[in-house]
Amino acid sequence: YLKNALLKLEGHLEMNGLPKIRKRATPATIA
């Protein structure tokens, strides 16, 4: 039920156009 509540919160964030987790990937070499 906590997992379900977290999914619902994620949905509310998306509906309001709000950011969740902003991350930066490890630099990748593109051949």
PDB file of all heavy atoms in Angstrom:
ATOM      1  N   TYR A   1       0.823  -1.205   0.000  1.00  0.00           N
ATOM      2  CA  TYR A   1       0.000   0.000   0.000  1.00  0.00           C
ATOM      3  C   TYR A   1       0.860   1.259   0.000  1.00  0.00           C
ATOM      4  O   TYR A   1       0.470   2.284  -0.580  1.00  0.00           O
ATOM      5  CB  TYR A   1      -0.964  -0.040   1.183  1.00  0.00           C
ATOM      6  CG  TYR A   1      -1.883  -1.236   1.098  1.00  0.00           C
ATOM      7  CD1 TYR A   1      -1.600  -2.406   1.808  1.00  0.00           C
ATOM      8  CD2 TYR A   1      -2.993  -1.229   0.251  1.00  0.00           C
ATOM      9  CE1 TYR A   1      -2.418  -3.519   1.687  1.00  0.00           C
ATOM     10  CE2 TYR A   1      -3.808  -2.339   0.129  1.00  0.00           C
ATOM     11  CZ  TYR A   1      -3.517  -3.486   0.849  1.00  0.00           C
ATOM     12  OH  TYR A   1      -4.317  -4.594   0.713  1.00  0.00           O
ATOM     13  N   LEU A   2       2.023   1.189   0.629  1.00  0.00           N
ATOM     14  CA  LEU A   2       2.968   2.305   0.537  1.00  0.00           C
ATOM     15  C   LEU A   2       3.469   2.447  -0.898  1.00  0.00           C
ATOM     16  O   LEU A   2       3.583   3.572  -1.418  1.00  0.00           O
ATOM     17  CB  LEU A   2       4.141   2.094   1.496  1.00  0.00           C
ATOM     18  CG  LEU A   2       5.283   3.114   1.404  1.00  0.00           C
ATOM     19  CD1 LEU A   2       4.778   4.545   1.583  1.00  0.00           C
ATOM     20  CD2 LEU A   2       6.378   2.806   2.430  1.00  0.00           C
ATOM     21  N   LYS A   3       3.758   1.344  -1.554  1.00  0.00           N
ATOM     22  CA  LYS A   3       4.178   1.392  -2.954  1.00  0.00           C
ATOM     23  C   LYS A   3       3.096   2.033  -3.815  1.00  0.00           C
ATOM     24  O   LYS A   3       3.370   2.834  -4.706  1.00  0.00           O
ATOM     25  CB  LYS A   3       4.504  -0.014  -3.460  1.00  0.00           C
ATOM     26  CG  LYS A   3       5.745  -0.632  -2.856  1.00  0.00           C
ATOM     27  CD  LYS A   3       5.967  -2.044  -3.411  1.00  0.00           C
ATOM     28  CE  LYS A   3       7.229  -2.672  -2.848  1.00  0.00           C
ATOM     29  NZ  LYS A   3       7.445  -4.053  -3.361  1.00  0.00           N
ATOM     30  N   ASN A   4       1.839   1.662  -3.543  1.00  0.00           N
ATOM     31  CA  ASN A   4       0.714   2.233  -4.275  1.00  0.00           C
ATOM     32  C   ASN A   4       0.604   3.725  -4.025  1.00  0.00           C
ATOM     33  O   ASN A   4       0.376   4.525  -4.951  1.00  0.00           O
ATOM     34  CB  ASN A   4      -0.578   1.519  -3.847  1.00  0.00           C
ATOM     35  CG  ASN A   4      -1.756   1.853  -4.733  1.00  0.00           C
ATOM     36  OD1 ASN A   4      -2.151   3.003  -4.835  1.00  0.00           O
ATOM     37  ND2 ASN A   4      -2.334   0.845  -5.357  1.00  0.00           N
ATOM     38  N   ALA A   5       0.790   4.137  -2.766  1.00  0.00           N
ATOM     39  CA  ALA A   5       0.727   5.556  -2.428  1.00  0.00           C
ATOM     40  C   ALA A   5       1.821   6.339  -3.142  1.00  0.00           C
ATOM     41  O   ALA A   5       1.592   7.465  -3.608  1.00  0.00           O
ATOM     42  CB  ALA A   5       0.855   5.731  -0.911  1.00  0.00           C
ATOM     43  N   LEU A   6       2.996   5.753  -3.251  1.00  0.00           N
ATOM     44  CA  LEU A   6       4.106   6.419  -3.941  1.00  0.00           C
ATOM     45  C   LEU A   6       3.797   6.575  -5.424  1.00  0.00           C
ATOM     46  O   LEU A   6       4.100   7.609  -6.030  1.00  0.00           O
ATOM     47  CB  LEU A   6       5.397   5.629  -3.744  1.00  0.00           C
ATOM     48  CG  LEU A   6       6.681   6.290  -4.249  1.00  0.00           C
ATOM     49  CD1 LEU A   6       6.940   7.609  -3.519  1.00  0.00           C
ATOM     50  CD2 LEU A   6       7.877   5.360  -4.068  1.00  0.00           C
ATOM     51  N   LEU A   7       3.193   5.566  -6.032  1.00  0.00           N
ATOM     52  CA  LEU A   7       2.793   5.660  -7.439  1.00  0.00           C
ATOM     53  C   LEU A   7       1.768   6.771  -7.642  1.00  0.00           C
ATOM     54  O   LEU A   7       1.810   7.497  -8.635  1.00  0.00           O
ATOM     55  CB  LEU A   7       2.227   4.320  -7.921  1.00  0.00           C
ATOM     56  CG  LEU A   7       3.238   3.192  -8.137  1.00  0.00           C
ATOM     57  CD1 LEU A   7       2.513   1.890  -8.473  1.00  0.00           C
ATOM     58  CD2 LEU A   7       4.217   3.550  -9.251  1.00  0.00           C
ATOM     59  N   LYS A   8       0.849   6.882  -6.690  1.00  0.00           N
ATOM     60  CA  LYS A   8      -0.156   7.944  -6.786  1.00  0.00           C
ATOM     61  C   LYS A   8       0.500   9.320  -6.685  1.00  0.00           C
ATOM     62  O   LYS A   8       0.124  10.251  -7.401  1.00  0.00           O
ATOM     63  CB  LYS A   8      -1.219   7.767  -5.699  1.00  0.00           C
ATOM     64  CG  LYS A   8      -2.126   6.551  -5.906  1.00  0.00           C
ATOM     65  CD  LYS A   8      -3.157   6.423  -4.814  1.00  0.00           C
ATOM     66  CE  LYS A   8      -3.988   5.159  -4.968  1.00  0.00           C
ATOM     67  NZ  LYS A   8      -4.772   5.138  -6.222  1.00  0.00           N
ATOM     68  N   LEU A   9       1.480   9.442  -5.798  1.00  0.00           N
ATOM     69  CA  LEU A   9       2.193  10.712  -5.662  1.00  0.00           C
ATOM     70  C   LEU A   9       2.946  11.038  -6.945  1.00  0.00           C
ATOM     71  O   LEU A   9       2.955  12.192  -7.397  1.00  0.00           O
ATOM     72  CB  LEU A   9       3.158  10.658  -4.479  1.00  0.00           C
ATOM     73  CG  LEU A   9       3.971  11.935  -4.227  1.00  0.00           C
ATOM     74  CD1 LEU A   9       3.057  13.131  -4.024  1.00  0.00           C
ATOM     75  CD2 LEU A   9       4.894  11.751  -3.028  1.00  0.00           C
ATOM     76  N   GLU A  10       3.552  10.044  -7.529  1.00  0.00           N
ATOM     77  CA  GLU A  10       4.261  10.255  -8.797  1.00  0.00           C
ATOM     78  C   GLU A  10       3.285  10.743  -9.866  1.00  0.00           C
ATOM     79  O   GLU A  10       3.591  11.635 -10.656  1.00  0.00           O
ATOM     80  CB  GLU A  10       4.939   8.965  -9.249  1.00  0.00           C
ATOM     81  CG  GLU A  10       5.822   9.132 -10.470  1.00  0.00           C
ATOM     82  CD  GLU A  10       6.665   7.900 -10.763  1.00  0.00           C
ATOM     83  OE1 GLU A  10       6.376   6.828 -10.179  1.00  0.00           O
ATOM     84  OE2 GLU A  10       7.597   7.999 -11.560  1.00  0.00           O
ATOM     85  N   GLY A  11       2.078  10.167  -9.871  1.00  0.00           N
ATOM     86  CA  GLY A  11       1.063  10.602 -10.825  1.00  0.00           C
ATOM     87  C   GLY A  11       0.654  12.054 -10.604  1.00  0.00           C
ATOM     88  O   GLY A  11       0.471  12.813 -11.568  1.00  0.00           O
ATOM     89  N   HIS A  12       0.504  12.469  -9.348  1.00  0.00           N
ATOM     90  CA  HIS A  12       0.152  13.861  -9.048  1.00  0.00           C
ATOM     91  C   HIS A  12       1.252  14.809  -9.516  1.00  0.00           C
ATOM     92  O   HIS A  12       0.970  15.891 -10.036  1.00  0.00           O
ATOM     93  CB  HIS A  12      -0.082  14.036  -7.549  1.00  0.00           C
ATOM     94  CG  HIS A  12      -1.373  13.476  -7.046  1.00  0.00           C
ATOM     95  ND1 HIS A  12      -2.603  13.917  -7.490  1.00  0.00           N
ATOM     96  CD2 HIS A  12      -1.633  12.483  -6.147  1.00  0.00           C
ATOM     97  CE1 HIS A  12      -3.565  13.250  -6.889  1.00  0.00           C
ATOM     98  NE2 HIS A  12      -3.004  12.371  -6.068  1.00  0.00           N
ATOM     99  N   LEU A  13       2.492  14.415  -9.328  1.00  0.00           N
ATOM    100  CA  LEU A  13       3.603  15.249  -9.780  1.00  0.00           C
ATOM    101  C   LEU A  13       3.574  15.404 -11.291  1.00  0.00           C
ATOM    102  O   LEU A  13       3.765  16.499 -11.826  1.00  0.00           O
ATOM    103  CB  LEU A  13       4.929  14.641  -9.325  1.00  0.00           C
ATOM    104  CG  LEU A  13       5.222  14.709  -7.822  1.00  0.00           C
ATOM    105  CD1 LEU A  13       6.424  13.832  -7.482  1.00  0.00           C
ATOM    106  CD2 LEU A  13       5.477  16.140  -7.381  1.00  0.00           C
ATOM    107  N   GLU A  14       3.320  14.306 -11.992  1.00  0.00           N
ATOM    108  CA  GLU A  14       3.277  14.349 -13.456  1.00  0.00           C
ATOM    109  C   GLU A  14       2.119  15.212 -13.942  1.00  0.00           C
ATOM    110  O   GLU A  14       2.262  16.012 -14.868  1.00  0.00           O
ATOM    111  CB  GLU A  14       3.162  12.937 -14.011  1.00  0.00           C
ATOM    112  CG  GLU A  14       4.427  12.108 -13.847  1.00  0.00           C
ATOM    113  CD  GLU A  14       4.265  10.686 -14.337  1.00  0.00           C
ATOM    114  OE1 GLU A  14       3.144  10.323 -14.751  1.00  0.00           O
ATOM    115  OE2 GLU A  14       5.254   9.935 -14.288  1.00  0.00           O
ATOM    116  N   MET A  15       0.936  15.065 -13.311  1.00  0.00           N
ATOM    117  CA  MET A  15      -0.242  15.835 -13.739  1.00  0.00           C
ATOM    118  C   MET A  15      -0.037  17.333 -13.548  1.00  0.00           C
ATOM    119  O   MET A  15      -0.595  18.141 -14.281  1.00  0.00           O
ATOM    120  CB  MET A  15      -1.479  15.372 -12.969  1.00  0.00           C
ATOM    121  CG  MET A  15      -2.040  14.048 -13.442  1.00  0.00           C
ATOM    122  SD  MET A  15      -3.666  13.666 -12.706  1.00  0.00           S
ATOM    123  CE  MET A  15      -3.250  13.570 -10.973  1.00  0.00           C
ATOM    124  N   ASN A  16       0.751  17.702 -12.566  1.00  0.00           N
ATOM    125  CA  ASN A  16       1.013  19.106 -12.297  1.00  0.00           C
ATOM    126  C   ASN A  16       2.267  19.616 -12.993  1.00  0.00           C
ATOM    127  O   ASN A  16       2.680  20.758 -12.776  1.00  0.00           O
ATOM    128  CB  ASN A  16       1.127  19.343 -10.784  1.00  0.00           C
ATOM    129  CG  ASN A  16      -0.214  19.310 -10.088  1.00  0.00           C
ATOM    130  OD1 ASN A  16      -0.944  20.301 -10.081  1.00  0.00           O
ATOM    131  ND2 ASN A  16      -0.575  18.175  -9.517  1.00  0.00           N
ATOM    132  N   GLY A  17       2.866  18.771 -13.817  1.00  0.00           N
ATOM    133  CA  GLY A  17       4.059  19.173 -14.551  1.00  0.00           C
ATOM    134  C   GLY A  17       5.232  19.481 -13.664  1.00  0.00           C
ATOM    135  O   GLY A  17       6.059  20.339 -13.984  1.00  0.00           O
ATOM    136  N   LEU A  18       5.314  18.769 -12.534  1.00  0.00           N
ATOM    137  CA  LEU A  18       6.364  19.054 -11.560  1.00  0.00           C
ATOM    138  C   LEU A  18       7.493  18.046 -11.669  1.00  0.00           C
ATOM    139  O   LEU A  18       7.261  16.861 -11.942  1.00  0.00           O
ATOM    140  CB  LEU A  18       5.786  19.023 -10.145  1.00  0.00           C
ATOM    141  CG  LEU A  18       4.674  20.040  -9.880  1.00  0.00           C
ATOM    142  CD1 LEU A  18       4.065  19.797  -8.514  1.00  0.00           C
ATOM    143  CD2 LEU A  18       5.214  21.451  -9.985  1.00  0.00           C
ATOM    144  N   PRO A  19       8.717  18.492 -11.448  1.00  0.00           N
ATOM    145  CA  PRO A  19       9.860  17.585 -11.522  1.00  0.00           C
ATOM    146  C   PRO A  19       9.871  16.605 -10.372  1.00  0.00           C
ATOM    147  O   PRO A  19       9.367  16.876  -9.293  1.00  0.00           O
ATOM    148  CB  PRO A  19      11.067  18.528 -11.430  1.00  0.00           C
ATOM    149  CG  PRO A  19      10.548  19.702 -10.680  1.00  0.00           C
ATOM    150  CD  PRO A  19       9.125  19.860 -11.098  1.00  0.00           C
ATOM    151  N   LYS A  20      10.452  15.469 -10.624  1.00  0.00           N
ATOM    152  CA  LYS A  20      10.599  14.451  -9.582  1.00  0.00           C
ATOM    153  C   LYS A  20      12.072  14.351  -9.220  1.00  0.00           C
ATOM    154  O   LYS A  20      12.572  15.120  -8.427  1.00  0.00           O
ATOM    155  CB  LYS A  20      10.030  13.128 -10.081  1.00  0.00           C
ATOM    156  CG  LYS A  20       8.509  13.168 -10.283  1.00  0.00           C
ATOM    157  CD  LYS A  20       7.995  11.949 -10.945  1.00  0.00           C
ATOM    158  CE  LYS A  20       8.288  11.926 -12.432  1.00  0.00           C
ATOM    159  NZ  LYS A  20       7.687  13.007 -13.181  1.00  0.00           N
ATOM    160  N   ILE A  21      12.761  13.440  -9.845  1.00  0.00           N
ATOM    161  CA  ILE A  21      14.182  13.272  -9.557  1.00  0.00           C
ATOM    162  C   ILE A  21      14.975  13.677 -10.789  1.00  0.00           C
ATOM    163  O   ILE A  21      14.792  13.127 -11.869  1.00  0.00           O
ATOM    164  CB  ILE A  21      14.490  11.817  -9.164  1.00  0.00           C
ATOM    165  CG1 ILE A  21      13.750  11.462  -7.869  1.00  0.00           C
ATOM    166  CG2 ILE A  21      15.990  11.629  -8.979  1.00  0.00           C
ATOM    167  CD1 ILE A  21      13.979  10.063  -7.404  1.00  0.00           C
ATOM    168  N   ARG A  22      15.837  14.660 -10.593  1.00  0.00           N
ATOM    169  CA  ARG A  22      16.669  15.161 -11.683  1.00  0.00           C
ATOM    170  C   ARG A  22      18.051  14.556 -11.514  1.00  0.00           C
ATOM    171  O   ARG A  22      18.657  14.684 -10.456  1.00  0.00           O
ATOM    172  CB  ARG A  22      16.713  16.684 -11.599  1.00  0.00           C
ATOM    173  CG  ARG A  22      17.377  17.372 -12.760  1.00  0.00           C
ATOM    174  CD  ARG A  22      17.179  18.872 -12.629  1.00  0.00           C
ATOM    175  NE  ARG A  22      17.743  19.608 -13.744  1.00  0.00           N
ATOM    176  CZ  ARG A  22      17.170  20.645 -14.320  1.00  0.00           C
ATOM    177  NH1 ARG A  22      16.010  21.070 -13.876  1.00  0.00           N
ATOM    178  NH2 ARG A  22      17.757  21.261 -15.333  1.00  0.00           N
ATOM    179  N   LYS A  23      18.542  13.894 -12.549  1.00  0.00           N
ATOM    180  CA  LYS A  23      19.814  13.196 -12.443  1.00  0.00           C
ATOM    181  C   LYS A  23      20.713  13.542 -13.619  1.00  0.00           C
ATOM    182  O   LYS A  23      20.256  14.004 -14.668  1.00  0.00           O
ATOM    183  CB  LYS A  23      19.586  11.670 -12.396  1.00  0.00           C
ATOM    184  CG  LYS A  23      18.857  11.208 -11.157  1.00  0.00           C
ATOM    185  CD  LYS A  23      18.629   9.703 -11.167  1.00  0.00           C
ATOM    186  CE  LYS A  23      19.906   8.927 -10.965  1.00  0.00           C
ATOM    187  NZ  LYS A  23      19.642   7.471 -10.819  1.00  0.00           N
ATOM    188  N   ARG A  24      21.990  13.282 -13.421  1.00  0.00           N
ATOM    189  CA  ARG A  24      22.982  13.462 -14.477  1.00  0.00           C
ATOM    190  C   ARG A  24      23.676  12.131 -14.688  1.00  0.00           C
ATOM    191  O   ARG A  24      24.196  11.531 -13.745  1.00  0.00           O
ATOM    192  CB  ARG A  24      23.984  14.527 -14.058  1.00  0.00           C
ATOM    193  CG  ARG A  24      24.871  15.006 -15.190  1.00  0.00           C
ATOM    194  CD  ARG A  24      25.857  16.051 -14.711  1.00  0.00           C
ATOM    195  NE  ARG A  24      25.183  17.155 -14.051  1.00  0.00           N
ATOM    196  CZ  ARG A  24      25.555  17.635 -12.882  1.00  0.00           C
ATOM    197  NH1 ARG A  24      26.586  17.119 -12.250  1.00  0.00           N
ATOM    198  NH2 ARG A  24      24.902  18.642 -12.346  1.00  0.00           N
ATOM    199  N   ALA A  25      23.662  11.653 -15.915  1.00  0.00           N
ATOM    200  CA  ALA A  25      24.283  10.375 -16.228  1.00  0.00           C
ATOM    201  C   ALA A  25      25.802  10.515 -16.281  1.00  0.00           C
ATOM    202  O   ALA A  25      26.339  11.607 -16.473  1.00  0.00           O
ATOM    203  CB  ALA A  25      23.760   9.848 -17.563  1.00  0.00           C
ATOM    204  N   THR A  26      26.477   9.418 -16.116  1.00  0.00           N
ATOM    205  CA  THR A  26      27.932   9.399 -16.301  1.00  0.00           C
ATOM    206  C   THR A  26      28.238   9.744 -17.755  1.00  0.00           C
ATOM    207  O   THR A  26      27.587   9.219 -18.666  1.00  0.00           O
ATOM    208  CB  THR A  26      28.489   8.006 -15.973  1.00  0.00           C
ATOM    209  OG1 THR A  26      28.156   7.665 -14.631  1.00  0.00           O
ATOM    210  CG2 THR A  26      29.997   7.966 -16.149  1.00  0.00           C
ATOM    211  N   PRO A  27      29.177  10.647 -18.007  1.00  0.00           N
ATOM    212  CA  PRO A  27      29.506  10.983 -19.399  1.00  0.00           C
ATOM    213  C   PRO A  27      29.795   9.732 -20.225  1.00  0.00           C
ATOM    214  O   PRO A  27      30.491   8.827 -19.778  1.00  0.00           O
ATOM    215  CB  PRO A  27      30.752  11.868 -19.254  1.00  0.00           C
ATOM    216  CG  PRO A  27      30.613  12.489 -17.904  1.00  0.00           C
ATOM    217  CD  PRO A  27      29.989  11.430 -17.041  1.00  0.00           C
ATOM    218  N   ALA A  28      29.205   9.699 -21.407  1.00  0.00           N
ATOM    219  CA  ALA A  28      29.328   8.521 -22.274  1.00  0.00           C
ATOM    220  C   ALA A  28      30.041   8.900 -23.566  1.00  0.00           C
ATOM    221  O   ALA A  28      29.756   9.950 -24.148  1.00  0.00           O
ATOM    222  CB  ALA A  28      27.949   7.956 -22.595  1.00  0.00           C
ATOM    223  N   THR A  29      30.957   8.052 -24.002  1.00  0.00           N
ATOM    224  CA  THR A  29      31.636   8.280 -25.280  1.00  0.00           C
ATOM    225  C   THR A  29      30.790   7.696 -26.397  1.00  0.00           C
ATOM    226  O   THR A  29      30.479   6.499 -26.406  1.00  0.00           O
ATOM    227  CB  THR A  29      33.028   7.631 -25.287  1.00  0.00           C
ATOM    228  OG1 THR A  29      33.818   8.215 -24.240  1.00  0.00           O
ATOM    229  CG2 THR A  29      33.716   7.858 -26.629  1.00  0.00           C
ATOM    230  N   ILE A  30      30.382   8.537 -27.319  1.00  0.00           N
ATOM    231  CA  ILE A  30      29.569   8.137 -28.461  1.00  0.00           C
ATOM    232  C   ILE A  30      30.501   7.989 -29.664  1.00  0.00           C
ATOM    233  O   ILE A  30      31.062   8.977 -30.146  1.00  0.00           O
ATOM    234  CB  ILE A  30      28.471   9.175 -28.760  1.00  0.00           C
ATOM    235  CG1 ILE A  30      27.667   9.503 -27.491  1.00  0.00           C
ATOM    236  CG2 ILE A  30      27.566   8.698 -29.883  1.00  0.00           C
ATOM    237  CD1 ILE A  30      26.959   8.315 -26.889  1.00  0.00           C
ATOM    238  N   ALA A  31      30.673   6.777 -30.103  1.00  0.00           N
ATOM    239  CA  ALA A  31      31.609   6.515 -31.204  1.00  0.00           C
ATOM    240  C   ALA A  31      31.143   7.190 -32.496  1.00  0.00           C
ATOM    241  O   ALA A  31      29.948   7.425 -32.693  1.00  0.00           O
ATOM    242  CB  ALA A  31      31.750   5.014 -31.413  1.00  0.00           C
TER     243      ALA A  31
END
